Amino acid sequence: MKRSQFIGCIAGLAVGDALGYPAEFRTRVQLLREVGPEGITGFLRLKDSRFSRPFIIGPDHPPGTFTDDTQMTLAVAEALLSHGRGGRDALMQEMGRHFVAWHRSPDNNRAPGATCGRGCENLERGVPWREAGVAESKGCGSAMRVAPIGLFYEDLDEVESVARDSSLLTHGHPAALEASAAAALLVALALRGVSPPQMYEEMMRRCGGRSPDFDQCLSKVPGLLNHPPEQVLTTAMLGEGWVAEEAVASALYCFWRHPDDYRAAVLEAVNTDGDSDSLATITGSISGARLGLEAIPAEWVQEVERSTSLQDVGAQLAAARGL
C-alpha cells in the first residue's frame, strides 16, 4: 500500500461525485444528445445552459462542485480520525454529531437524500444511533459514504462491521447494511491490490446470505461484464442505482470493466440514466484506492472543490495506518 492510494481514494470519490452531479436525474440519451456524443467528459456547471428539463432544484453550482455524497464521506473520515480507535458507541455517536452538523449546514443544498435527513433529525432528537435510521430504507445514502472505513481499518472483519453499523444511523434495511459493508470492503481490497474477481468473491463471502435483495442484484455482475453500460445500467438489468444494492453493483461493474483506468471507469458511471453522482462516487473510491492519485487526471484533481482539503484527509487516513 502507498500513501497515494489513500489520497487517490478520497480525491477519486470527490472527483467522481463532482463529474456526476450535473448528470443526476438525466438519462444517458439526454446527456449524449445535449452535451455531445461522448456525454460528460469533464466538470460542468450544475445547470449547464445546454441542459433541458429536468432542472435540479436549488442553487446553481460551478464546475467541480461535489455533493452530499462527499460531504458525508468527509464526516465519516473526521469521526474515524478522532474516535476510530475507541469504542464503537463513541465512534458512532461522534459520527452522528458530524452528520447532524452537516444536515444543519448551509452547504447542505446539493440534493441531499431524504432518508439521510430523517436519520439526522432522529439523531438530533436523541434517538440512539442503532435506532436512528429508517428501518425500511435501502437508499444508497449509507453506501456512498463508507470509503474512509475501508481505508482506516486494516482488519477486514472490522471494516465490514463498522460499515454496517454506520449505515444504522440513517438506513436500517438489510440491503443497505450489506451494501455499506460491501462498498467499504471493496475499497479495502482495492488498497491491497486484490484482483477484481477475487474482490468480488471475498465481498460475496462476507456479505452474501444476509439480504435477498443484495444477493439477487450482486449475483448478476460477473455475467454482465461483456454487456455495454447502456444495457446494464438500466432498470432492465442492474438498475439505476437509487437503492443501495444497485449502486454498489453498478459501481463494481464500472470498476471491474476498467480496473486500470480511473477515467474510463468513472465516466462510465457518470453517463447513466440513474444516480450518476453516487455511482461515480463509489466507483471513484474503489478505482482511486487501487490506482492512486497519479491515475486521476491532474486537471480534475486541481479543479475539484476543496482539492487541498480532500488530499489532506487522505493523507491523514494514510498516517493512521502508519504510511
Protein backbone atom coordinates (compact mmCIF):
# COMPACT_ATOMS: atom_id res chain seq x y z
CA MET A 1 0.00 0.00 0.00
CA LYS A 2 1.12 3.52 -0.79
CA ARG A 3 0.12 6.86 0.66
CA SER A 4 -1.05 7.98 -2.79
CA GLN A 5 -3.71 5.25 -2.76
CA PHE A 6 -5.36 6.75 0.32
CA ILE A 7 -5.23 10.23 -1.17
CA GLY A 8 -6.39 8.85 -4.52
CA CYS A 9 -9.40 7.20 -2.89
CA ILE A 10 -10.64 10.42 -1.27
CA ALA A 11 -9.83 12.65 -4.23
CA GLY A 12 -11.15 10.00 -6.61
CA LEU A 13 -14.55 9.72 -4.99
CA ALA A 14 -14.96 13.51 -4.84
CA VAL A 15 -13.97 13.88 -8.49
CA GLY A 16 -16.45 11.19 -9.49
CA ASP A 17 -19.13 12.85 -7.40
CA ALA A 18 -18.49 16.25 -9.00
CA LEU A 19 -18.49 14.80 -12.51
CA GLY A 20 -21.77 13.02 -11.84
CA TYR A 21 -23.63 15.82 -10.06
CA PRO A 22 -24.90 17.55 -13.25
CA ALA A 23 -25.90 14.15 -14.69
CA GLU A 24 -28.12 13.14 -11.79
CA PHE A 25 -31.80 12.83 -12.79
CA ARG A 26 -30.87 12.92 -16.51
CA THR A 27 -30.92 9.98 -18.88
CA ARG A 28 -27.91 8.73 -20.81
CA VAL A 29 -29.69 9.52 -24.08
CA GLN A 30 -30.32 13.08 -22.92
CA LEU A 31 -26.69 13.55 -21.85
CA LEU A 32 -25.33 12.34 -25.18
CA ARG A 33 -27.81 14.50 -27.11
CA GLU A 34 -27.29 17.69 -25.16
CA VAL A 35 -23.62 17.55 -24.13
CA GLY A 36 -22.08 15.59 -27.00
CA PRO A 37 -21.65 12.07 -28.38
CA GLU A 38 -19.37 11.05 -25.50
CA GLY A 39 -21.60 12.55 -22.84
CA ILE A 40 -19.96 14.25 -19.88
CA THR A 41 -16.16 14.10 -20.07
CA GLY A 42 -15.26 16.87 -17.61
CA PHE A 43 -16.67 19.14 -14.95
CA LEU A 44 -19.80 21.11 -15.83
CA ARG A 45 -21.90 23.70 -14.07
CA LEU A 46 -24.83 22.09 -12.34
CA LYS A 47 -27.26 23.99 -14.56
CA ASP A 48 -25.25 23.98 -17.76
CA SER A 49 -27.01 26.02 -20.44
CA ARG A 50 -27.20 23.01 -22.75
CA PHE A 51 -29.44 21.07 -20.39
CA SER A 52 -33.17 20.88 -20.92
CA ARG A 53 -35.56 19.63 -18.27
CA PRO A 54 -35.46 18.32 -15.62
CA PHE A 55 -33.87 21.20 -13.73
CA ILE A 56 -32.29 20.24 -10.42
CA ILE A 57 -34.00 22.14 -7.61
CA GLY A 58 -31.83 24.56 -5.67
CA PRO A 59 -28.97 26.92 -6.46
CA ASP A 60 -26.60 26.57 -9.35
CA HIS A 61 -23.06 25.38 -8.59
CA PRO A 62 -19.80 25.87 -10.51
CA PRO A 63 -17.88 23.09 -12.26
CA GLY A 64 -16.10 20.78 -9.82
CA THR A 65 -18.70 21.05 -7.04
CA PHE A 66 -19.29 17.80 -5.17
CA THR A 67 -22.50 16.73 -3.42
CA ASP A 68 -23.76 15.38 -0.13
CA ASP A 69 -22.01 12.11 -1.04
CA THR A 70 -18.58 13.64 -0.47
CA GLN A 71 -19.78 15.86 2.35
CA MET A 72 -21.00 12.85 4.32
CA THR A 73 -17.88 10.87 3.40
CA LEU A 74 -15.75 13.61 4.95
CA ALA A 75 -17.94 13.48 8.07
CA VAL A 76 -17.23 9.74 8.34
CA ALA A 77 -13.49 10.37 7.88
CA GLU A 78 -13.42 13.05 10.56
CA ALA A 79 -15.20 10.78 13.03
CA LEU A 80 -12.78 7.94 12.32
CA LEU A 81 -9.72 10.14 12.73
CA SER A 82 -10.89 11.37 16.13
CA HIS A 83 -12.67 8.30 17.56
CA GLY A 84 -11.91 5.33 15.29
CA ARG A 85 -9.61 3.60 17.78
CA GLY A 86 -12.05 3.89 20.65
CA GLY A 87 -15.24 2.01 21.40
CA ARG A 88 -17.98 1.54 18.83
CA ASP A 89 -20.55 3.60 20.72
CA ALA A 90 -18.19 6.56 20.98
CA LEU A 91 -17.35 6.34 17.28
CA MET A 92 -20.96 6.17 16.13
CA GLN A 93 -22.04 8.96 18.44
CA GLU A 94 -19.25 11.14 17.03
CA MET A 95 -20.24 10.19 13.50
CA GLY A 96 -23.82 11.11 14.35
CA ARG A 97 -22.71 14.53 15.60
CA HIS A 98 -20.89 15.15 12.33
CA PHE A 99 -23.95 14.05 10.35
CA VAL A 100 -26.22 16.41 12.29
CA ALA A 101 -23.78 19.29 11.76
CA TRP A 102 -23.78 18.53 8.03
CA HIS A 103 -27.58 18.34 7.99
CA ARG A 104 -27.84 21.80 9.56
CA SER A 105 -25.08 23.36 7.45
CA PRO A 106 -25.95 25.97 4.79
CA ASP A 107 -23.72 23.93 2.45
CA ASN A 108 -26.29 21.12 2.60
CA ASN A 109 -28.01 22.40 -0.53
CA ARG A 110 -26.94 19.76 -3.04
CA ALA A 111 -29.94 17.45 -3.44
CA PRO A 112 -29.41 15.50 -0.20
CA GLY A 113 -31.29 12.27 0.35
CA ALA A 114 -34.50 12.40 2.37
CA THR A 115 -33.61 9.31 4.40
CA CYS A 116 -30.28 10.79 5.49
CA GLY A 117 -32.19 13.86 6.61
CA ARG A 118 -34.67 11.80 8.63
CA GLY A 119 -31.86 9.87 10.28
CA CYS A 120 -30.08 13.09 11.19
CA GLU A 121 -33.26 14.53 12.67
CA ASN A 122 -33.69 11.39 14.77
CA LEU A 123 -30.10 11.64 15.97
CA GLU A 124 -30.58 15.30 16.83
CA ARG A 125 -33.64 14.38 18.92
CA GLY A 126 -31.52 11.94 20.92
CA VAL A 127 -32.62 8.67 19.33
CA PRO A 128 -29.87 6.05 19.96
CA TRP A 129 -27.66 5.56 16.91
CA ARG A 130 -28.68 1.92 16.44
CA GLU A 131 -32.31 3.01 16.13
CA ALA A 132 -31.99 6.36 14.34
CA GLY A 133 -32.03 5.02 10.78
CA VAL A 134 -35.17 4.47 8.76
CA ALA A 135 -35.74 0.74 9.14
CA GLU A 136 -37.36 0.18 5.76
CA SER A 137 -35.00 2.36 3.72
CA LYS A 138 -32.36 0.86 1.44
CA GLY A 139 -31.39 4.00 -0.44
CA CYS A 140 -27.73 4.30 -1.39
CA GLY A 141 -27.06 7.12 1.08
CA SER A 142 -25.20 4.94 3.56
CA ALA A 143 -23.16 3.02 0.97
CA MET A 144 -21.93 6.15 -0.82
CA ARG A 145 -20.05 7.48 2.25
CA VAL A 146 -18.14 4.49 3.68
CA ALA A 147 -14.87 4.62 1.72
CA PRO A 148 -12.89 6.03 4.70
CA ILE A 149 -13.81 2.94 6.71
CA GLY A 150 -12.12 0.76 4.11
CA LEU A 151 -9.03 2.97 4.39
CA PHE A 152 -8.87 3.32 8.16
CA TYR A 153 -9.06 -0.27 9.38
CA GLU A 154 -6.57 -2.97 8.49
CA ASP A 155 -8.72 -5.90 9.63
CA LEU A 156 -11.47 -6.79 7.13
CA ASP A 157 -13.75 -8.05 9.89
CA GLU A 158 -13.60 -4.59 11.41
CA VAL A 159 -14.15 -2.90 8.05
CA GLU A 160 -17.41 -4.72 7.41
CA SER A 161 -18.65 -4.45 11.00
CA VAL A 162 -18.04 -0.70 11.29
CA ALA A 163 -19.53 -0.08 7.84
CA ARG A 164 -22.71 -1.98 8.75
CA ASP A 165 -23.05 -0.05 11.98
CA SER A 166 -22.50 3.25 10.19
CA SER A 167 -25.49 2.52 7.99
CA LEU A 168 -27.77 2.21 11.01
CA LEU A 169 -27.52 5.95 11.69
CA THR A 170 -29.68 6.62 8.63
CA HIS A 171 -30.61 3.40 6.77
CA GLY A 172 -31.74 0.24 8.51
CA HIS A 173 -32.76 -2.12 5.69
CA PRO A 174 -30.60 -5.28 5.44
CA ALA A 175 -29.71 -4.43 1.82
CA ALA A 176 -28.41 -1.03 2.93
CA LEU A 177 -26.29 -2.61 5.65
CA GLU A 178 -24.76 -5.16 3.29
CA ALA A 179 -24.18 -2.61 0.54
CA SER A 180 -22.37 -0.38 3.04
CA ALA A 181 -20.19 -3.28 4.15
CA ALA A 182 -19.55 -4.24 0.53
CA ALA A 183 -18.56 -0.74 -0.57
CA ALA A 184 -16.09 -0.39 2.31
CA LEU A 185 -14.67 -3.87 1.70
CA LEU A 186 -14.14 -3.13 -2.00
CA VAL A 187 -12.03 -0.10 -1.05
CA ALA A 188 -10.04 -2.12 1.48
CA LEU A 189 -9.43 -4.90 -1.04
CA ALA A 190 -8.51 -2.42 -3.78
CA LEU A 191 -5.87 -0.98 -1.45
CA ARG A 192 -4.35 -4.45 -1.16
CA GLY A 193 -4.14 -4.90 -4.92
CA VAL A 194 -6.59 -7.80 -4.97
CA SER A 195 -7.84 -8.63 -8.46
CA PRO A 196 -11.47 -7.73 -9.28
CA PRO A 197 -12.63 -11.39 -9.43
CA GLN A 198 -11.08 -12.05 -6.01
CA MET A 199 -12.55 -8.81 -4.66
CA TYR A 200 -15.98 -9.96 -5.77
CA GLU A 201 -15.53 -13.40 -4.25
CA GLU A 202 -14.40 -12.03 -0.90
CA MET A 203 -17.15 -9.42 -0.81
CA MET A 204 -19.84 -12.02 -1.50
CA ARG A 205 -18.35 -14.42 1.04
CA ARG A 206 -18.64 -11.76 3.70
CA CYS A 207 -21.86 -10.00 2.66
CA GLY A 208 -23.84 -12.69 0.87
CA GLY A 209 -26.67 -14.58 2.55
CA ARG A 210 -27.84 -11.68 4.71
CA SER A 211 -30.15 -9.83 2.31
CA PRO A 212 -32.03 -11.44 -0.60
CA ASP A 213 -32.18 -8.07 -2.39
CA PHE A 214 -28.42 -7.65 -2.15
CA ASP A 215 -27.70 -11.22 -3.21
CA GLN A 216 -30.02 -11.11 -6.20
CA CYS A 217 -28.55 -7.89 -7.57
CA LEU A 218 -24.84 -8.53 -6.91
CA SER A 219 -25.01 -12.06 -8.30
CA LYS A 220 -25.70 -10.58 -11.76
CA VAL A 221 -22.48 -8.58 -12.03
CA PRO A 222 -19.98 -11.18 -13.33
CA GLY A 223 -22.28 -12.25 -16.14
CA LEU A 224 -22.83 -8.69 -17.36
CA LEU A 225 -19.24 -7.51 -17.74
CA ASN A 226 -19.23 -8.02 -21.51
CA HIS A 227 -22.52 -6.17 -21.96
CA PRO A 228 -22.45 -2.40 -22.64
CA PRO A 229 -23.43 0.11 -19.95
CA GLU A 230 -26.38 1.43 -21.94
CA GLN A 231 -27.93 -2.03 -21.41
CA VAL A 232 -26.59 -2.89 -17.95
CA LEU A 233 -27.02 0.36 -16.00
CA THR A 234 -30.78 0.43 -16.51
CA THR A 235 -33.87 -0.83 -14.75
CA ALA A 236 -33.80 -3.88 -17.05
CA MET A 237 -30.54 -5.21 -15.56
CA LEU A 238 -28.64 -3.75 -12.58
CA GLY A 239 -30.97 -0.83 -12.02
CA GLU A 240 -30.34 2.91 -11.88
CA GLY A 241 -28.50 2.95 -8.55
CA TRP A 242 -31.02 4.78 -6.39
CA VAL A 243 -31.07 1.90 -3.92
CA ALA A 244 -28.05 0.53 -2.13
CA GLU A 245 -27.51 -2.84 -3.77
CA GLU A 246 -27.94 -1.36 -7.27
CA ALA A 247 -25.44 1.41 -6.57
CA VAL A 248 -22.74 -0.97 -5.35
CA ALA A 249 -23.38 -3.49 -8.12
CA SER A 250 -23.25 -0.78 -10.78
CA ALA A 251 -20.09 0.78 -9.37
CA LEU A 252 -18.42 -2.63 -9.20
CA TYR A 253 -19.43 -3.28 -12.82
CA CYS A 254 -17.84 0.00 -13.96
CA PHE A 255 -14.66 -0.58 -11.96
CA TRP A 256 -14.33 -4.24 -12.97
CA ARG A 257 -14.58 -3.36 -16.66
CA HIS A 258 -11.79 -0.77 -16.32
CA PRO A 259 -9.65 -1.83 -13.33
CA ASP A 260 -6.57 0.07 -14.51
CA ASP A 261 -8.26 3.15 -15.99
CA TYR A 262 -9.76 5.57 -13.48
CA ARG A 263 -11.08 7.94 -16.13
CA ALA A 264 -12.89 5.26 -18.13
CA ALA A 265 -14.42 3.64 -15.05
CA VAL A 266 -15.74 6.88 -13.58
CA LEU A 267 -17.09 8.32 -16.83
CA GLU A 268 -18.95 5.07 -17.45
CA ALA A 269 -20.62 5.54 -14.08
CA VAL A 270 -21.38 9.21 -14.78
CA ASN A 271 -23.11 8.80 -18.14
CA THR A 272 -26.04 6.70 -16.96
CA ASP A 273 -29.78 7.02 -16.53
CA GLY A 274 -29.78 6.95 -12.77
CA ASP A 275 -28.00 8.17 -9.65
CA SER A 276 -24.87 9.24 -11.52
CA ASP A 277 -23.11 11.08 -8.71
CA SER A 278 -23.40 8.21 -6.23
CA LEU A 279 -22.38 5.59 -8.79
CA ALA A 280 -19.34 7.66 -9.73
CA THR A 281 -18.53 8.36 -6.07
CA ILE A 282 -18.37 4.65 -5.23
CA THR A 283 -16.59 3.79 -8.48
CA GLY A 284 -14.08 6.59 -7.92
CA SER A 285 -13.34 5.45 -4.38
CA ILE A 286 -12.51 1.91 -5.48
CA SER A 287 -10.51 2.95 -8.53
CA GLY A 288 -8.64 5.66 -6.64
CA ALA A 289 -7.77 3.24 -3.86
CA ARG A 290 -6.40 0.73 -6.36
CA LEU A 291 -4.53 3.08 -8.68
CA GLY A 292 -3.54 6.05 -6.52
CA LEU A 293 -3.72 9.79 -7.01
CA GLU A 294 -1.46 9.74 -10.04
CA ALA A 295 -4.06 7.78 -12.04
CA ILE A 296 -6.64 10.57 -11.77
CA PRO A 297 -6.36 13.26 -14.47
CA ALA A 298 -4.39 16.11 -12.92
CA GLU A 299 -6.81 18.80 -14.05
CA TRP A 300 -9.66 17.05 -12.27
CA VAL A 301 -7.65 16.82 -9.06
CA GLN A 302 -6.77 20.51 -9.28
CA GLU A 303 -10.25 21.74 -10.17
CA VAL A 304 -12.44 19.71 -7.82
CA GLU A 305 -13.88 21.63 -4.89
CA ARG A 306 -11.64 21.76 -1.79
CA SER A 307 -8.89 19.84 -3.55
CA THR A 308 -6.22 20.52 -0.94
CA SER A 309 -8.51 19.57 1.95
CA LEU A 310 -9.51 16.32 0.26
CA GLN A 311 -5.90 15.33 -0.23
CA ASP A 312 -5.13 16.24 3.38
CA VAL A 313 -7.89 13.95 4.63
CA GLY A 314 -6.49 11.13 2.52
CA ALA A 315 -3.02 11.78 3.92
CA GLN A 316 -4.38 11.73 7.49
CA LEU A 317 -6.06 8.38 6.85
CA ALA A 318 -2.79 7.05 5.46
CA ALA A 319 -0.95 8.30 8.55
CA ALA A 320 -3.47 6.49 10.71
CA ARG A 321 -2.28 3.29 9.01
CA GLY A 322 1.37 4.22 9.51
CA LEU A 323 2.04 5.45 5.97
